[in-house]
Amino acid sequence: MPEQAFLKGIQAYWDALGQPGKPPELGDSRIDAFVDLLHVTASAEHGFNLLELIDSSYAGIAVGDDSRPWRLHWAIQVGEVEPFVAPGVEGLIFLSDTIADPEGKHRVYTLQDGVRGDLEFADLTGVLQWMTAQVRHAKGELDAAELQQIQSDATALLDDEWEKGPTSALYIVEELLDTPLFEAWDAISRGQWPLVESDGSSPAVEREDGWQRRL
């Protein structure tokens, strides 16, 4: 059953990190349990870590300050995802969707240096499987070929209808990152959704009902 596979994934990740016994009581929902797991294992060697977001990005965006990733963090917050990072991997951010898809699954995406990455997972169970393999590989328990096989089994190509509009967390994040700042700021100030032309031409702000997730 899916729930049992998820719980087994939590235990496998916990064991791979060398944590004693069983994990403590975690959140009731799958996404809360996943986030709690990252919290309680944050100090473990080879453990994945939640990305600490900037509290308020608007001031940095408004003045064009490029010393910190203001706009990226703003897009992540609007997209309603929980970001986390892999130890020792620069520029790669995992985005776990806090909103379940029609099948009740929380999809996980990646951004590599600000653009969509190759790693994607249809559910938290898959990303836990991959994270566990990464930890074991870092500890010398899996070779590169074994890691690649697990990655092939755990990942998914996310290209269905859910991904083609603002039902998708990644769609929102990408649109906010790709929209020229003036257009995005104008749309946000009006409580509207910034859209980008797919051919790269000058975008026009669609006067729609909002820039938040639409399910």
C-alpha atoms as a PDB file:
ATOM      1  CA  MET A   1       0.000   0.000   0.000  1.00  0.00           C
ATOM      2  CA  PRO A   2       1.216   3.569  -0.714  1.00  0.00           C
ATOM      3  CA  GLU A   3       1.137   4.611   2.942  1.00  0.00           C
ATOM      4  CA  GLN A   4       3.196   1.601   3.992  1.00  0.00           C
ATOM      5  CA  ALA A   5       5.736   2.316   1.252  1.00  0.00           C
ATOM      6  CA  PHE A   6       6.026   5.906   2.491  1.00  0.00           C
ATOM      7  CA  LEU A   7       6.569   4.804   6.100  1.00  0.00           C
ATOM      8  CA  LYS A   8       9.141   2.244   4.977  1.00  0.00           C
ATOM      9  CA  GLY A   9      10.864   5.004   3.037  1.00  0.00           C
ATOM     10  CA  ILE A  10      11.093   7.138   6.165  1.00  0.00           C
ATOM     11  CA  GLN A  11      12.582   4.260   8.138  1.00  0.00           C
ATOM     12  CA  ALA A  12      15.051   3.398   5.366  1.00  0.00           C
ATOM     13  CA  TYR A  13      16.295   6.992   5.198  1.00  0.00           C
ATOM     14  CA  TRP A  14      16.549   7.111   8.996  1.00  0.00           C
ATOM     15  CA  ASP A  15      18.553   3.883   9.041  1.00  0.00           C
ATOM     16  CA  ALA A  16      20.832   4.992   6.197  1.00  0.00           C
ATOM     17  CA  LEU A  17      21.786   8.071   8.207  1.00  0.00           C
ATOM     18  CA  GLY A  18      22.749   5.827  11.108  1.00  0.00           C
ATOM     19  CA  GLN A  19      20.051   7.138  13.433  1.00  0.00           C
ATOM     20  CA  PRO A  20      19.179   4.833  16.348  1.00  0.00           C
ATOM     21  CA  GLY A  21      15.870   2.994  16.674  1.00  0.00           C
ATOM     22  CA  LYS A  22      12.827   4.441  14.996  1.00  0.00           C
ATOM     23  CA  PRO A  23      12.087   8.039  13.989  1.00  0.00           C
ATOM     24  CA  PRO A  24      10.189  10.161  16.521  1.00  0.00           C
ATOM     25  CA  GLU A  25       6.525  10.932  15.987  1.00  0.00           C
ATOM     26  CA  LEU A  26       6.217  12.983  12.817  1.00  0.00           C
ATOM     27  CA  GLY A  27       3.448  15.133  11.329  1.00  0.00           C
ATOM     28  CA  ASP A  28       0.047  13.643  10.568  1.00  0.00           C
ATOM     29  CA  SER A  29       0.048  14.365   6.841  1.00  0.00           C
ATOM     30  CA  ARG A  30       2.609  12.947   4.445  1.00  0.00           C
ATOM     31  CA  ILE A  31       4.097  16.338   3.602  1.00  0.00           C
ATOM     32  CA  ASP A  32       4.275  17.345   7.279  1.00  0.00           C
ATOM     33  CA  ALA A  33       5.915  14.038   8.165  1.00  0.00           C
ATOM     34  CA  PHE A  34       8.453  14.516   5.378  1.00  0.00           C
ATOM     35  CA  VAL A  35       9.323  18.045   6.496  1.00  0.00           C
ATOM     36  CA  ASP A  36       9.577  16.926  10.122  1.00  0.00           C
ATOM     37  CA  LEU A  37      11.917  14.128   9.058  1.00  0.00           C
ATOM     38  CA  LEU A  38      14.237  16.640   7.408  1.00  0.00           C
ATOM     39  CA  HIS A  39      14.133  18.767  10.562  1.00  0.00           C
ATOM     40  CA  VAL A  40      15.073  15.976  12.949  1.00  0.00           C
ATOM     41  CA  THR A  41      17.855  14.608  10.720  1.00  0.00           C
ATOM     42  CA  ALA A  42      19.329  17.976   9.746  1.00  0.00           C
ATOM     43  CA  SER A  43      22.481  17.477  11.812  1.00  0.00           C
ATOM     44  CA  ALA A  44      23.165  13.930  10.595  1.00  0.00           C
ATOM     45  CA  GLU A  45      26.166  13.371   8.350  1.00  0.00           C
ATOM     46  CA  HIS A  46      25.041  13.219   4.702  1.00  0.00           C
ATOM     47  CA  GLY A  47      21.534  14.344   5.712  1.00  0.00           C
ATOM     48  CA  PHE A  48      19.448  16.549   3.438  1.00  0.00           C
ATOM     49  CA  ASN A  49      18.491  19.960   4.811  1.00  0.00           C
ATOM     50  CA  LEU A  50      15.535  22.281   4.487  1.00  0.00           C
ATOM     51  CA  LEU A  51      16.410  25.516   2.709  1.00  0.00           C
ATOM     52  CA  GLU A  52      15.981  28.525   4.963  1.00  0.00           C
ATOM     53  CA  LEU A  53      13.991  31.116   3.053  1.00  0.00           C
ATOM     54  CA  ILE A  54      14.336  34.868   3.312  1.00  0.00           C
ATOM     55  CA  ASP A  55      11.455  36.189   5.416  1.00  0.00           C
ATOM     56  CA  SER A  56      10.553  39.115   3.167  1.00  0.00           C
ATOM     57  CA  SER A  57      11.877  39.300  -0.369  1.00  0.00           C
ATOM     58  CA  TYR A  58       9.988  42.331  -1.617  1.00  0.00           C
ATOM     59  CA  ALA A  59      12.455  45.006  -0.510  1.00  0.00           C
ATOM     60  CA  GLY A  60      15.395  43.237  -2.130  1.00  0.00           C
ATOM     61  CA  ILE A  61      13.446  42.683  -5.349  1.00  0.00           C
ATOM     62  CA  ALA A  62      12.271  46.300  -5.455  1.00  0.00           C
ATOM     63  CA  VAL A  63      15.758  47.819  -5.232  1.00  0.00           C
ATOM     64  CA  GLY A  64      17.350  45.270  -7.545  1.00  0.00           C
ATOM     65  CA  ASP A  65      19.722  43.916  -4.920  1.00  0.00           C
ATOM     66  CA  ASP A  66      21.561  40.925  -6.386  1.00  0.00           C
ATOM     67  CA  SER A  67      23.482  39.989  -3.240  1.00  0.00           C
ATOM     68  CA  ARG A  68      20.873  37.421  -2.239  1.00  0.00           C
ATOM     69  CA  PRO A  69      18.387  35.247  -4.207  1.00  0.00           C
ATOM     70  CA  TRP A  70      15.391  37.414  -3.315  1.00  0.00           C
ATOM     71  CA  ARG A  71      13.335  36.595  -6.369  1.00  0.00           C
ATOM     72  CA  LEU A  72      13.985  32.861  -6.239  1.00  0.00           C
ATOM     73  CA  HIS A  73      12.849  32.700  -2.627  1.00  0.00           C
ATOM     74  CA  TRP A  74       9.784  34.806  -3.450  1.00  0.00           C
ATOM     75  CA  ALA A  75       8.831  32.417  -6.268  1.00  0.00           C
ATOM     76  CA  ILE A  76       9.298  29.417  -3.984  1.00  0.00           C
ATOM     77  CA  GLN A  77       7.027  30.950  -1.355  1.00  0.00           C
ATOM     78  CA  VAL A  78       4.308  31.830  -3.863  1.00  0.00           C
ATOM     79  CA  GLY A  79       4.530  28.339  -5.366  1.00  0.00           C
ATOM     80  CA  GLU A  80       3.703  26.793  -1.971  1.00  0.00           C
ATOM     81  CA  VAL A  81       6.575  24.327  -1.956  1.00  0.00           C
ATOM     82  CA  GLU A  82       8.967  23.145   0.735  1.00  0.00           C
ATOM     83  CA  PRO A  83      12.537  23.577  -0.536  1.00  0.00           C
ATOM     84  CA  PHE A  84      15.410  21.391   0.568  1.00  0.00           C
ATOM     85  CA  VAL A  85      18.970  20.788  -0.538  1.00  0.00           C
ATOM     86  CA  ALA A  86      21.391  17.896  -0.886  1.00  0.00           C
ATOM     87  CA  PRO A  87      24.649  18.033   1.067  1.00  0.00           C
ATOM     88  CA  GLY A  88      27.633  18.962  -1.061  1.00  0.00           C
ATOM     89  CA  VAL A  89      25.602  19.645  -4.212  1.00  0.00           C
ATOM     90  CA  GLU A  90      25.834  23.312  -5.167  1.00  0.00           C
ATOM     91  CA  GLY A  91      23.000  24.991  -7.040  1.00  0.00           C
ATOM     92  CA  LEU A  92      20.476  22.134  -6.762  1.00  0.00           C
ATOM     93  CA  ILE A  93      17.241  22.829  -4.891  1.00  0.00           C
ATOM     94  CA  PHE A  94      14.474  20.268  -4.382  1.00  0.00           C
ATOM     95  CA  LEU A  95      10.900  21.571  -4.262  1.00  0.00           C
ATOM     96  CA  SER A  96       8.347  19.332  -2.565  1.00  0.00           C
ATOM     97  CA  ASP A  97       4.795  20.392  -3.362  1.00  0.00           C
ATOM     98  CA  THR A  98       2.748  20.990  -0.227  1.00  0.00           C
ATOM     99  CA  ILE A  99      -0.443  20.490  -2.244  1.00  0.00           C
ATOM    100  CA  ALA A 100      -1.293  16.969  -3.368  1.00  0.00           C
ATOM    101  CA  ASP A 101      -2.167  16.197  -6.978  1.00  0.00           C
ATOM    102  CA  PRO A 102      -5.462  14.489  -7.950  1.00  0.00           C
ATOM    103  CA  GLU A 103      -4.014  11.110  -6.915  1.00  0.00           C
ATOM    104  CA  GLY A 104      -3.095  12.426  -3.479  1.00  0.00           C
ATOM    105  CA  LYS A 105       0.633  12.512  -4.263  1.00  0.00           C
ATOM    106  CA  HIS A 106       3.042  15.305  -3.397  1.00  0.00           C
ATOM    107  CA  ARG A 107       5.283  15.847  -6.385  1.00  0.00           C
ATOM    108  CA  VAL A 108       8.928  16.822  -6.018  1.00  0.00           C
ATOM    109  CA  TYR A 109      10.776  18.965  -8.545  1.00  0.00           C
ATOM    110  CA  THR A 110      14.299  20.330  -8.780  1.00  0.00           C
ATOM    111  CA  LEU A 111      15.823  23.638  -9.771  1.00  0.00           C
ATOM    112  CA  GLN A 112      19.428  23.613 -10.965  1.00  0.00           C
ATOM    113  CA  ASP A 113      20.980  27.079 -10.838  1.00  0.00           C
ATOM    114  CA  GLY A 114      17.525  28.626 -11.140  1.00  0.00           C
ATOM    115  CA  VAL A 115      16.147  26.525 -14.009  1.00  0.00           C
ATOM    116  CA  ARG A 116      14.178  23.281 -14.071  1.00  0.00           C
ATOM    117  CA  GLY A 117      16.385  20.338 -13.200  1.00  0.00           C
ATOM    118  CA  ASP A 118      16.399  16.799 -14.560  1.00  0.00           C
ATOM    119  CA  LEU A 119      15.441  15.076 -11.302  1.00  0.00           C
ATOM    120  CA  GLU A 120      11.694  14.834 -10.654  1.00  0.00           C
ATOM    121  CA  PHE A 121       9.642  12.518  -8.489  1.00  0.00           C
ATOM    122  CA  ALA A 122       5.969  11.621  -8.682  1.00  0.00           C
ATOM    123  CA  ASP A 123       5.661  11.300  -4.898  1.00  0.00           C
ATOM    124  CA  LEU A 124       7.521  11.634  -1.622  1.00  0.00           C
ATOM    125  CA  THR A 125       8.093   7.883  -1.536  1.00  0.00           C
ATOM    126  CA  GLY A 126      10.208   8.116  -4.677  1.00  0.00           C
ATOM    127  CA  VAL A 127      12.314  10.989  -3.429  1.00  0.00           C
ATOM    128  CA  LEU A 128      12.884   9.197  -0.116  1.00  0.00           C
ATOM    129  CA  GLN A 129      14.110   6.165  -2.034  1.00  0.00           C
ATOM    130  CA  TRP A 130      16.533   8.343  -3.979  1.00  0.00           C
ATOM    131  CA  MET A 131      17.690  10.256  -0.892  1.00  0.00           C
ATOM    132  CA  THR A 132      18.386   6.984   0.905  1.00  0.00           C
ATOM    133  CA  ALA A 133      20.437   5.777  -2.052  1.00  0.00           C
ATOM    134  CA  GLN A 134      22.376   9.054  -2.097  1.00  0.00           C
ATOM    135  CA  VAL A 135      23.250   8.687   1.576  1.00  0.00           C
ATOM    136  CA  ARG A 136      24.329   5.080   1.128  1.00  0.00           C
ATOM    137  CA  HIS A 137      26.398   6.009  -1.924  1.00  0.00           C
ATOM    138  CA  ALA A 138      28.122   8.788   0.044  1.00  0.00           C
ATOM    139  CA  LYS A 139      28.963   6.237   2.745  1.00  0.00           C
ATOM    140  CA  GLY A 140      30.380   3.789   0.205  1.00  0.00           C
ATOM    141  CA  GLU A 141      27.557   1.273   0.554  1.00  0.00           C
ATOM    142  CA  LEU A 142      26.377   1.616  -3.066  1.00  0.00           C
ATOM    143  CA  ASP A 143      28.448   2.008  -6.203  1.00  0.00           C
ATOM    144  CA  ALA A 144      27.653   4.416  -9.024  1.00  0.00           C
ATOM    145  CA  ALA A 145      25.841   1.800 -11.113  1.00  0.00           C
ATOM    146  CA  GLU A 146      23.597   0.807  -8.214  1.00  0.00           C
ATOM    147  CA  LEU A 147      22.839   4.451  -7.490  1.00  0.00           C
ATOM    148  CA  GLN A 148      21.930   5.063 -11.131  1.00  0.00           C
ATOM    149  CA  GLN A 149      19.572   2.083 -11.172  1.00  0.00           C
ATOM    150  CA  ILE A 150      17.768   3.304  -8.070  1.00  0.00           C
ATOM    151  CA  GLN A 151      17.551   6.778  -9.570  1.00  0.00           C
ATOM    152  CA  SER A 152      15.983   5.352 -12.727  1.00  0.00           C
ATOM    153  CA  ASP A 153      13.402   3.490 -10.644  1.00  0.00           C
ATOM    154  CA  ALA A 154      12.611   6.386  -8.293  1.00  0.00           C
ATOM    155  CA  THR A 155      12.349   9.312 -10.694  1.00  0.00           C
ATOM    156  CA  ALA A 156       9.502  10.208 -13.037  1.00  0.00           C
ATOM    157  CA  LEU A 157       8.850  12.445 -16.026  1.00  0.00           C
ATOM    158  CA  LEU A 158       6.261  14.979 -14.901  1.00  0.00           C
ATOM    159  CA  ASP A 159       4.594  16.255 -18.064  1.00  0.00           C
ATOM    160  CA  ASP A 160       0.870  15.577 -17.645  1.00  0.00           C
ATOM    161  CA  GLU A 161      -2.002  18.090 -17.695  1.00  0.00           C
ATOM    162  CA  TRP A 162      -1.384  18.998 -14.044  1.00  0.00           C
ATOM    163  CA  GLU A 163       1.978  20.480 -15.069  1.00  0.00           C
ATOM    164  CA  LYS A 164       0.632  22.686 -17.866  1.00  0.00           C
ATOM    165  CA  GLY A 165      -0.951  25.419 -15.772  1.00  0.00           C
ATOM    166  CA  PRO A 166      -1.172  27.005 -12.317  1.00  0.00           C
ATOM    167  CA  THR A 167      -2.268  23.752 -10.717  1.00  0.00           C
ATOM    168  CA  SER A 168       1.453  22.946 -10.799  1.00  0.00           C
ATOM    169  CA  ALA A 169       3.809  24.387  -8.209  1.00  0.00           C
ATOM    170  CA  LEU A 170       6.716  24.298 -10.642  1.00  0.00           C
ATOM    171  CA  TYR A 171       4.687  26.118 -13.291  1.00  0.00           C
ATOM    172  CA  ILE A 172       4.194  29.001 -10.879  1.00  0.00           C
ATOM    173  CA  VAL A 173       7.820  29.083  -9.775  1.00  0.00           C
ATOM    174  CA  GLU A 174       9.054  29.084 -13.375  1.00  0.00           C
ATOM    175  CA  GLU A 175       6.620  31.783 -14.465  1.00  0.00           C
ATOM    176  CA  LEU A 176       7.637  34.065 -11.614  1.00  0.00           C
ATOM    177  CA  LEU A 177      11.317  33.559 -12.377  1.00  0.00           C
ATOM    178  CA  ASP A 178      10.885  34.037 -16.142  1.00  0.00           C
ATOM    179  CA  THR A 179       8.581  37.062 -16.091  1.00  0.00           C
ATOM    180  CA  PRO A 180      10.469  40.365 -16.438  1.00  0.00           C
ATOM    181  CA  LEU A 181      10.531  42.098 -13.079  1.00  0.00           C
ATOM    182  CA  PHE A 182       8.399  45.063 -14.148  1.00  0.00           C
ATOM    183  CA  GLU A 183       5.631  42.795 -15.442  1.00  0.00           C
ATOM    184  CA  ALA A 184       5.770  40.546 -12.400  1.00  0.00           C
ATOM    185  CA  TRP A 185       5.770  43.471  -9.986  1.00  0.00           C
ATOM    186  CA  ASP A 186       2.840  45.099 -11.780  1.00  0.00           C
ATOM    187  CA  ALA A 187       0.857  41.862 -11.647  1.00  0.00           C
ATOM    188  CA  ILE A 188       1.650  41.294  -7.989  1.00  0.00           C
ATOM    189  CA  SER A 189       0.724  44.869  -7.066  1.00  0.00           C
ATOM    190  CA  ARG A 190      -2.660  44.369  -8.727  1.00  0.00           C
ATOM    191  CA  GLY A 191      -3.167  40.950  -7.171  1.00  0.00           C
ATOM    192  CA  GLN A 192      -2.944  39.334 -10.579  1.00  0.00           C
ATOM    193  CA  TRP A 193      -1.057  36.500 -12.178  1.00  0.00           C
ATOM    194  CA  PRO A 194       2.064  37.160 -14.324  1.00  0.00           C
ATOM    195  CA  LEU A 195       2.240  34.996 -17.440  1.00  0.00           C
ATOM    196  CA  VAL A 196       5.082  34.607 -19.921  1.00  0.00           C
ATOM    197  CA  GLU A 197       4.746  34.093 -23.659  1.00  0.00           C
ATOM    198  CA  SER A 198       6.063  30.628 -24.543  1.00  0.00           C
ATOM    199  CA  ASP A 199       7.977  31.951 -27.583  1.00  0.00           C
ATOM    200  CA  GLY A 200      10.003  34.361 -25.468  1.00  0.00           C
ATOM    201  CA  SER A 201       8.356  37.498 -26.878  1.00  0.00           C
ATOM    202  CA  SER A 202       7.460  40.469 -24.738  1.00  0.00           C
ATOM    203  CA  PRO A 203       4.913  39.194 -22.226  1.00  0.00           C
ATOM    204  CA  ALA A 204       1.618  40.862 -21.541  1.00  0.00           C
ATOM    205  CA  VAL A 205       0.104  40.543 -18.104  1.00  0.00           C
ATOM    206  CA  GLU A 206      -3.111  38.579 -18.290  1.00  0.00           C
ATOM    207  CA  ARG A 207      -5.717  40.238 -16.125  1.00  0.00           C
ATOM    208  CA  GLU A 208      -6.824  37.066 -14.415  1.00  0.00           C
ATOM    209  CA  ASP A 209      -8.240  36.303 -11.004  1.00  0.00           C
ATOM    210  CA  GLY A 210      -4.994  35.945  -9.094  1.00  0.00           C
ATOM    211  CA  TRP A 211      -1.386  34.797  -9.120  1.00  0.00           C
ATOM    212  CA  GLN A 212      -1.759  32.074  -6.525  1.00  0.00           C
ATOM    213  CA  ARG A 213      -2.206  28.341  -7.065  1.00  0.00           C
ATOM    214  CA  ARG A 214      -5.416  27.499  -8.907  1.00  0.00           C
ATOM    215  CA  LEU A 215      -6.723  24.013  -8.300  1.00  0.00           C
END
